[in-house]
Amino acid sequence: MSWQVQEAKQRFSELIRDATTEGPQIVTRHGEEIAVVIDIEEYRRLKGEVVDFKEFLRSGPGLEELDLHRDHTLPREIDWTG
């Protein structure tokens, strides 16, 4: 959706609602695109503030950095006689 500056000012609440529900809203002045209004979550994602869960997992250490070696000695013996 495209909004002229004057219309965006007059219908600001609607502009914000549409940015949240319908996606980015472009603001124009004399037919030239000058700004875009986007939902805050989209802004944070674009800015890199929000990492989705998959990216969070991928950013962790590789398995080669983890100590996954198991002690192969036998467990201690248990006296079952009491």
PDB file of N, CA and C in Angstrom:
ATOM      1  N   MET A   1       0.853  -1.185   0.000  1.00  0.00           N
ATOM      2  CA  MET A   1       0.000   0.000   0.000  1.00  0.00           C
ATOM      3  C   MET A   1       0.892   1.239   0.000  1.00  0.00           C
ATOM      4  N   SER A   2       0.458   2.236  -0.685  1.00  0.00           N
ATOM      5  CA  SER A   2       1.190   3.491  -0.756  1.00  0.00           C
ATOM      6  C   SER A   2       0.331   4.610  -0.184  1.00  0.00           C
ATOM      7  N   TRP A   3       0.950   5.448   0.638  1.00  0.00           N
ATOM      8  CA  TRP A   3       0.255   6.547   1.304  1.00  0.00           C
ATOM      9  C   TRP A   3       0.953   7.865   0.958  1.00  0.00           C
ATOM     10  N   GLN A   4       0.182   8.889   0.615  1.00  0.00           N
ATOM     11  CA  GLN A   4       0.751  10.213   0.486  1.00  0.00           C
ATOM     12  C   GLN A   4       0.986  10.742   1.892  1.00  0.00           C
ATOM     13  N   VAL A   5       1.967  11.601   2.071  1.00  0.00           N
ATOM     14  CA  VAL A   5       2.319  12.099   3.400  1.00  0.00           C
ATOM     15  C   VAL A   5       1.099  12.658   4.134  1.00  0.00           C
ATOM     16  N   GLN A   6       0.335  13.505   3.478  1.00  0.00           N
ATOM     17  CA  GLN A   6      -0.827  14.125   4.130  1.00  0.00           C
ATOM     18  C   GLN A   6      -1.823  13.055   4.583  1.00  0.00           C
ATOM     19  N   GLU A   7      -2.075  12.065   3.738  1.00  0.00           N
ATOM     20  CA  GLU A   7      -2.994  10.981   4.081  1.00  0.00           C
ATOM     21  C   GLU A   7      -2.435  10.155   5.236  1.00  0.00           C
ATOM     22  N   ALA A   8      -1.135   9.888   5.220  1.00  0.00           N
ATOM     23  CA  ALA A   8      -0.504   9.114   6.299  1.00  0.00           C
ATOM     24  C   ALA A   8      -0.634   9.841   7.632  1.00  0.00           C
ATOM     25  N   LYS A   9      -0.490  11.170   7.616  1.00  0.00           N
ATOM     26  CA  LYS A   9      -0.646  11.944   8.851  1.00  0.00           C
ATOM     27  C   LYS A   9      -2.084  11.902   9.351  1.00  0.00           C
ATOM     28  N   GLN A  10      -3.041  12.033   8.453  1.00  0.00           N
ATOM     29  CA  GLN A  10      -4.446  12.066   8.840  1.00  0.00           C
ATOM     30  C   GLN A  10      -4.941  10.698   9.322  1.00  0.00           C
ATOM     31  N   ARG A  11      -4.390   9.644   8.771  1.00  0.00           N
ATOM     32  CA  ARG A  11      -4.864   8.284   9.087  1.00  0.00           C
ATOM     33  C   ARG A  11      -3.745   7.442   9.690  1.00  0.00           C
ATOM     34  N   PHE A  12      -2.983   8.073  10.584  1.00  0.00           N
ATOM     35  CA  PHE A  12      -1.792   7.432  11.147  1.00  0.00           C
ATOM     36  C   PHE A  12      -2.108   6.098  11.834  1.00  0.00           C
ATOM     37  N   SER A  13      -3.165   6.039  12.613  1.00  0.00           N
ATOM     38  CA  SER A  13      -3.522   4.785  13.300  1.00  0.00           C
ATOM     39  C   SER A  13      -3.774   3.668  12.303  1.00  0.00           C
ATOM     40  N   GLU A  14      -4.448   3.996  11.218  1.00  0.00           N
ATOM     41  CA  GLU A  14      -4.713   3.002  10.176  1.00  0.00           C
ATOM     42  C   GLU A  14      -3.412   2.568   9.492  1.00  0.00           C
ATOM     43  N   LEU A  15      -2.540   3.528   9.252  1.00  0.00           N
ATOM     44  CA  LEU A  15      -1.234   3.235   8.660  1.00  0.00           C
ATOM     45  C   LEU A  15      -0.463   2.243   9.532  1.00  0.00           C
ATOM     46  N   ILE A  16      -0.436   2.485  10.829  1.00  0.00           N
ATOM     47  CA  ILE A  16       0.256   1.591  11.766  1.00  0.00           C
ATOM     48  C   ILE A  16      -0.397   0.212  11.775  1.00  0.00           C
ATOM     49  N   ARG A  17      -1.717   0.184  11.841  1.00  0.00           N
ATOM     50  CA  ARG A  17      -2.432  -1.102  11.841  1.00  0.00           C
ATOM     51  C   ARG A  17      -2.127  -1.894  10.566  1.00  0.00           C
ATOM     52  N   ASP A  18      -2.158  -1.217   9.416  1.00  0.00           N
ATOM     53  CA  ASP A  18      -1.879  -1.902   8.154  1.00  0.00           C
ATOM     54  C   ASP A  18      -0.440  -2.412   8.099  1.00  0.00           C
ATOM     55  N   ALA A  19       0.490  -1.648   8.648  1.00  0.00           N
ATOM     56  CA  ALA A  19       1.891  -2.102   8.669  1.00  0.00           C
ATOM     57  C   ALA A  19       2.021  -3.372   9.497  1.00  0.00           C
ATOM     58  N   THR A  20       1.228  -3.473  10.546  1.00  0.00           N
ATOM     59  CA  THR A  20       1.265  -4.638  11.425  1.00  0.00           C
ATOM     60  C   THR A  20       0.572  -5.843  10.798  1.00  0.00           C
ATOM     61  N   THR A  21      -0.555  -5.605  10.135  1.00  0.00           N
ATOM     62  CA  THR A  21      -1.358  -6.720   9.627  1.00  0.00           C
ATOM     63  C   THR A  21      -1.104  -7.071   8.166  1.00  0.00           C
ATOM     64  N   GLU A  22      -0.738  -6.068   7.347  1.00  0.00           N
ATOM     65  CA  GLU A  22      -0.613  -6.303   5.910  1.00  0.00           C
ATOM     66  C   GLU A  22       0.810  -6.221   5.384  1.00  0.00           C
ATOM     67  N   GLY A  23       1.728  -5.727   6.201  1.00  0.00           N
ATOM     68  CA  GLY A  23       3.113  -5.626   5.756  1.00  0.00           C
ATOM     69  C   GLY A  23       3.533  -4.181   5.559  1.00  0.00           C
ATOM     70  N   PRO A  24       4.719  -3.984   5.026  1.00  0.00           N
ATOM     71  CA  PRO A  24       5.297  -2.641   4.875  1.00  0.00           C
ATOM     72  C   PRO A  24       4.368  -1.682   4.122  1.00  0.00           C
ATOM     73  N   GLN A  25       4.320  -0.435   4.596  1.00  0.00           N
ATOM     74  CA  GLN A  25       3.513   0.622   3.995  1.00  0.00           C
ATOM     75  C   GLN A  25       4.450   1.727   3.513  1.00  0.00           C
ATOM     76  N   ILE A  26       4.336   2.091   2.256  1.00  0.00           N
ATOM     77  CA  ILE A  26       5.218   3.096   1.650  1.00  0.00           C
ATOM     78  C   ILE A  26       4.560   4.467   1.742  1.00  0.00           C
ATOM     79  N   VAL A  27       5.341   5.454   2.116  1.00  0.00           N
ATOM     80  CA  VAL A  27       4.868   6.833   2.194  1.00  0.00           C
ATOM     81  C   VAL A  27       5.532   7.619   1.067  1.00  0.00           C
ATOM     82  N   THR A  28       4.711   8.398   0.347  1.00  0.00           N
ATOM     83  CA  THR A  28       5.223   9.163  -0.791  1.00  0.00           C
ATOM     84  C   THR A  28       4.994  10.659  -0.599  1.00  0.00           C
ATOM     85  N   ARG A  29       5.844  11.445  -1.249  1.00  0.00           N
ATOM     86  CA  ARG A  29       5.676  12.904  -1.310  1.00  0.00           C
ATOM     87  C   ARG A  29       5.852  13.298  -2.771  1.00  0.00           C
ATOM     88  N   HIS A  30       4.842  13.899  -3.334  1.00  0.00           N
ATOM     89  CA  HIS A  30       4.858  14.303  -4.748  1.00  0.00           C
ATOM     90  C   HIS A  30       5.185  13.110  -5.649  1.00  0.00           C
ATOM     91  N   GLY A  31       4.659  11.940  -5.283  1.00  0.00           N
ATOM     92  CA  GLY A  31       4.843  10.741  -6.097  1.00  0.00           C
ATOM     93  C   GLY A  31       6.164  10.013  -5.872  1.00  0.00           C
ATOM     94  N   GLU A  32       7.028  10.580  -5.055  1.00  0.00           N
ATOM     95  CA  GLU A  32       8.333   9.960  -4.794  1.00  0.00           C
ATOM     96  C   GLU A  32       8.288   9.210  -3.462  1.00  0.00           C
ATOM     97  N   GLU A  33       8.731   7.966  -3.466  1.00  0.00           N
ATOM     98  CA  GLU A  33       8.773   7.177  -2.233  1.00  0.00           C
ATOM     99  C   GLU A  33       9.832   7.759  -1.301  1.00  0.00           C
ATOM    100  N   ILE A  34       9.398   8.089  -0.083  1.00  0.00           N
ATOM    101  CA  ILE A  34      10.337   8.726   0.847  1.00  0.00           C
ATOM    102  C   ILE A  34      10.523   7.953   2.142  1.00  0.00           C
ATOM    103  N   ALA A  35       9.584   7.069   2.455  1.00  0.00           N
ATOM    104  CA  ALA A  35       9.688   6.335   3.716  1.00  0.00           C
ATOM    105  C   ALA A  35       8.877   5.053   3.619  1.00  0.00           C
ATOM    106  N   VAL A  36       9.165   4.170   4.549  1.00  0.00           N
ATOM    107  CA  VAL A  36       8.383   2.950   4.664  1.00  0.00           C
ATOM    108  C   VAL A  36       8.101   2.710   6.145  1.00  0.00           C
ATOM    109  N   VAL A  37       6.890   2.289   6.445  1.00  0.00           N
ATOM    110  CA  VAL A  37       6.489   1.983   7.821  1.00  0.00           C
ATOM    111  C   VAL A  37       6.357   0.472   7.899  1.00  0.00           C
ATOM    112  N   ILE A  38       7.085  -0.127   8.851  1.00  0.00           N
ATOM    113  CA  ILE A  38       7.052  -1.581   9.000  1.00  0.00           C
ATOM    114  C   ILE A  38       6.753  -1.957  10.448  1.00  0.00           C
ATOM    115  N   ASP A  39       6.297  -3.178  10.615  1.00  0.00           N
ATOM    116  CA  ASP A  39       6.021  -3.729  11.933  1.00  0.00           C
ATOM    117  C   ASP A  39       7.325  -3.799  12.741  1.00  0.00           C
ATOM    118  N   ILE A  40       7.248  -3.594  14.040  1.00  0.00           N
ATOM    119  CA  ILE A  40       8.443  -3.571  14.890  1.00  0.00           C
ATOM    120  C   ILE A  40       9.208  -4.891  14.854  1.00  0.00           C
ATOM    121  N   GLU A  41       8.496  -6.017  14.772  1.00  0.00           N
ATOM    122  CA  GLU A  41       9.186  -7.310  14.714  1.00  0.00           C
ATOM    123  C   GLU A  41       9.988  -7.438  13.429  1.00  0.00           C
ATOM    124  N   GLU A  42       9.430  -6.951  12.323  1.00  0.00           N
ATOM    125  CA  GLU A  42      10.159  -6.972  11.050  1.00  0.00           C
ATOM    126  C   GLU A  42      11.396  -6.073  11.146  1.00  0.00           C
ATOM    127  N   TYR A  43      11.243  -4.913  11.758  1.00  0.00           N
ATOM    128  CA  TYR A  43      12.376  -4.006  11.947  1.00  0.00           C
ATOM    129  C   TYR A  43      13.485  -4.670  12.756  1.00  0.00           C
ATOM    130  N   ARG A  44      13.111  -5.303  13.849  1.00  0.00           N
ATOM    131  CA  ARG A  44      14.111  -5.965  14.700  1.00  0.00           C
ATOM    132  C   ARG A  44      14.801  -7.107  13.955  1.00  0.00           C
ATOM    133  N   ARG A  45      14.021  -7.847  13.162  1.00  0.00           N
ATOM    134  CA  ARG A  45      14.604  -8.936  12.387  1.00  0.00           C
ATOM    135  C   ARG A  45      15.606  -8.387  11.370  1.00  0.00           C
ATOM    136  N   LEU A  46      15.211  -7.331  10.668  1.00  0.00           N
ATOM    137  CA  LEU A  46      16.096  -6.725   9.678  1.00  0.00           C
ATOM    138  C   LEU A  46      17.343  -6.133  10.317  1.00  0.00           C
ATOM    139  N   LYS A  47      17.183  -5.581  11.489  1.00  0.00           N
ATOM    140  CA  LYS A  47      18.305  -4.964  12.198  1.00  0.00           C
ATOM    141  C   LYS A  47      19.225  -6.006  12.822  1.00  0.00           C
ATOM    142  N   GLY A  48      18.732  -7.221  12.933  1.00  0.00           N
ATOM    143  CA  GLY A  48      19.542  -8.286  13.507  1.00  0.00           C
ATOM    144  C   GLY A  48      19.384  -8.436  14.999  1.00  0.00           C
ATOM    145  N   GLU A  49      18.387  -7.804  15.581  1.00  0.00           N
ATOM    146  CA  GLU A  49      18.185  -7.898  17.023  1.00  0.00           C
ATOM    147  C   GLU A  49      17.532  -9.211  17.426  1.00  0.00           C
ATOM    148  N   VAL A  50      16.773  -9.792  16.530  1.00  0.00           N
ATOM    149  CA  VAL A  50      16.045 -11.016  16.850  1.00  0.00           C
ATOM    150  C   VAL A  50      16.648 -12.159  16.050  1.00  0.00           C
ATOM    151  N   VAL A  51      17.026 -13.188  16.737  1.00  0.00           N
ATOM    152  CA  VAL A  51      17.559 -14.369  16.082  1.00  0.00           C
ATOM    153  C   VAL A  51      16.505 -15.458  16.204  1.00  0.00           C
ATOM    154  N   ASP A  52      16.123 -16.028  15.051  1.00  0.00           N
ATOM    155  CA  ASP A  52      15.136 -17.089  15.160  1.00  0.00           C
ATOM    156  C   ASP A  52      15.796 -18.330  15.752  1.00  0.00           C
ATOM    157  N   PHE A  53      14.996 -19.248  16.227  1.00  0.00           N
ATOM    158  CA  PHE A  53      15.495 -20.397  16.975  1.00  0.00           C
ATOM    159  C   PHE A  53      16.482 -21.223  16.159  1.00  0.00           C
ATOM    160  N   LYS A  54      16.197 -21.420  14.886  1.00  0.00           N
ATOM    161  CA  LYS A  54      17.083 -22.201  14.030  1.00  0.00           C
ATOM    162  C   LYS A  54      18.460 -21.537  13.931  1.00  0.00           C
ATOM    163  N   GLU A  55      18.481 -20.229  13.728  1.00  0.00           N
ATOM    164  CA  GLU A  55      19.750 -19.512  13.648  1.00  0.00           C
ATOM    165  C   GLU A  55      20.488 -19.544  14.984  1.00  0.00           C
ATOM    166  N   PHE A  56      19.749 -19.482  16.081  1.00  0.00           N
ATOM    167  CA  PHE A  56      20.348 -19.577  17.404  1.00  0.00           C
ATOM    168  C   PHE A  56      21.083 -20.907  17.551  1.00  0.00           C
ATOM    169  N   LEU A  57      20.435 -21.992  17.157  1.00  0.00           N
ATOM    170  CA  LEU A  57      21.068 -23.312  17.257  1.00  0.00           C
ATOM    171  C   LEU A  57      22.286 -23.414  16.349  1.00  0.00           C
ATOM    172  N   ARG A  58      22.176 -22.877  15.155  1.00  0.00           N
ATOM    173  CA  ARG A  58      23.301 -22.928  14.211  1.00  0.00           C
ATOM    174  C   ARG A  58      24.501 -22.106  14.682  1.00  0.00           C
ATOM    175  N   SER A  59      24.260 -21.099  15.489  1.00  0.00           N
ATOM    176  CA  SER A  59      25.347 -20.230  15.929  1.00  0.00           C
ATOM    177  C   SER A  59      26.121 -20.809  17.107  1.00  0.00           C
ATOM    178  N   GLY A  60      25.665 -21.925  17.646  1.00  0.00           N
ATOM    179  CA  GLY A  60      26.329 -22.549  18.787  1.00  0.00           C
ATOM    180  C   GLY A  60      27.625 -23.237  18.385  1.00  0.00           C
ATOM    181  N   PRO A  61      28.327 -23.779  19.358  1.00  0.00           N
ATOM    182  CA  PRO A  61      29.594 -24.441  19.060  1.00  0.00           C
ATOM    183  C   PRO A  61      29.366 -25.702  18.229  1.00  0.00           C
ATOM    184  N   GLY A  62      30.355 -26.036  17.415  1.00  0.00           N
ATOM    185  CA  GLY A  62      30.285 -27.265  16.643  1.00  0.00           C
ATOM    186  C   GLY A  62      30.536 -28.461  17.557  1.00  0.00           C
ATOM    187  N   LEU A  63      30.139 -29.625  17.110  1.00  0.00           N
ATOM    188  CA  LEU A  63      30.316 -30.817  17.936  1.00  0.00           C
ATOM    189  C   LEU A  63      31.789 -31.113  18.201  1.00  0.00           C
ATOM    190  N   GLU A  64      32.650 -30.693  17.291  1.00  0.00           N
ATOM    191  CA  GLU A  64      34.079 -30.945  17.496  1.00  0.00           C
ATOM    192  C   GLU A  64      34.624 -30.186  18.705  1.00  0.00           C
ATOM    193  N   GLU A  65      33.936 -29.156  19.134  1.00  0.00           N
ATOM    194  CA  GLU A  65      34.373 -28.380  20.287  1.00  0.00           C
ATOM    195  C   GLU A  65      33.874 -28.963  21.608  1.00  0.00           C
ATOM    196  N   LEU A  66      32.957 -29.919  21.545  1.00  0.00           N
ATOM    197  CA  LEU A  66      32.416 -30.515  22.756  1.00  0.00           C
ATOM    198  C   LEU A  66      33.226 -31.739  23.151  1.00  0.00           C
ATOM    199  N   ASP A  67      33.396 -31.943  24.445  1.00  0.00           N
ATOM    200  CA  ASP A  67      34.106 -33.117  24.947  1.00  0.00           C
ATOM    201  C   ASP A  67      33.093 -34.242  25.111  1.00  0.00           C
ATOM    202  N   LEU A  68      33.039 -35.138  24.126  1.00  0.00           N
ATOM    203  CA  LEU A  68      32.070 -36.220  24.141  1.00  0.00           C
ATOM    204  C   LEU A  68      32.729 -37.566  24.435  1.00  0.00           C
ATOM    205  N   HIS A  69      33.943 -37.544  24.997  1.00  0.00           N
ATOM    206  CA  HIS A  69      34.644 -38.784  25.298  1.00  0.00           C
ATOM    207  C   HIS A  69      34.089 -39.406  26.579  1.00  0.00           C
ATOM    208  N   ARG A  70      33.907 -40.707  26.534  1.00  0.00           N
ATOM    209  CA  ARG A  70      33.338 -41.432  27.666  1.00  0.00           C
ATOM    210  C   ARG A  70      34.443 -42.226  28.349  1.00  0.00           C
ATOM    211  N   ASP A  71      34.391 -42.251  29.662  1.00  0.00           N
ATOM    212  CA  ASP A  71      35.331 -43.056  30.434  1.00  0.00           C
ATOM    213  C   ASP A  71      34.950 -44.520  30.248  1.00  0.00           C
ATOM    214  N   HIS A  72      35.877 -45.337  29.756  1.00  0.00           N
ATOM    215  CA  HIS A  72      35.580 -46.735  29.450  1.00  0.00           C
ATOM    216  C   HIS A  72      35.917 -47.691  30.595  1.00  0.00           C
ATOM    217  N   THR A  73      36.292 -47.144  31.742  1.00  0.00           N
ATOM    218  CA  THR A  73      36.550 -48.038  32.872  1.00  0.00           C
ATOM    219  C   THR A  73      35.230 -48.607  33.366  1.00  0.00           C
ATOM    220  N   LEU A  74      35.296 -49.792  33.946  1.00  0.00           N
ATOM    221  CA  LEU A  74      34.088 -50.448  34.439  1.00  0.00           C
ATOM    222  C   LEU A  74      33.570 -49.724  35.676  1.00  0.00           C
ATOM    223  N   PRO A  75      32.261 -49.780  35.890  1.00  0.00           N
ATOM    224  CA  PRO A  75      31.703 -49.121  37.081  1.00  0.00           C
ATOM    225  C   PRO A  75      32.157 -49.847  38.333  1.00  0.00           C
ATOM    226  N   ARG A  76      32.011 -49.200  39.444  1.00  0.00           N
ATOM    227  CA  ARG A  76      32.428 -49.833  40.705  1.00  0.00           C
ATOM    228  C   ARG A  76      31.531 -51.023  41.003  1.00  0.00           C
ATOM    229  N   GLU A  77      32.087 -51.950  41.748  1.00  0.00           N
ATOM    230  CA  GLU A  77      31.315 -53.136  42.110  1.00  0.00           C
ATOM    231  C   GLU A  77      30.446 -52.814  43.323  1.00  0.00           C
ATOM    232  N   ILE A  78      29.260 -53.384  43.337  1.00  0.00           N
ATOM    233  CA  ILE A  78      28.318 -53.160  44.429  1.00  0.00           C
ATOM    234  C   ILE A  78      28.185 -54.459  45.210  1.00  0.00           C
ATOM    235  N   ASP A  79      28.277 -54.338  46.506  1.00  0.00           N
ATOM    236  CA  ASP A  79      28.127 -55.489  47.394  1.00  0.00           C
ATOM    237  C   ASP A  79      26.652 -55.677  47.689  1.00  0.00           C
ATOM    238  N   TRP A  80      26.068 -56.709  47.120  1.00  0.00           N
ATOM    239  CA  TRP A  80      24.622 -56.952  47.274  1.00  0.00           C
ATOM    240  C   TRP A  80      24.309 -57.827  48.504  1.00  0.00           C
ATOM    241  N   THR A  81      25.305 -58.236  49.215  1.00  0.00           N
ATOM    242  CA  THR A  81      25.078 -59.129  50.340  1.00  0.00           C
ATOM    243  C   THR A  81      24.596 -58.355  51.579  1.00  0.00           C
ATOM    244  N   GLY A  82      24.748 -57.112  51.594  1.00  0.00           N
ATOM    245  CA  GLY A  82      24.198 -56.331  52.675  1.00  0.00           C
ATOM    246  C   GLY A  82      25.201 -55.900  53.602  1.00  0.00           C
TER     247      GLY A  82
END
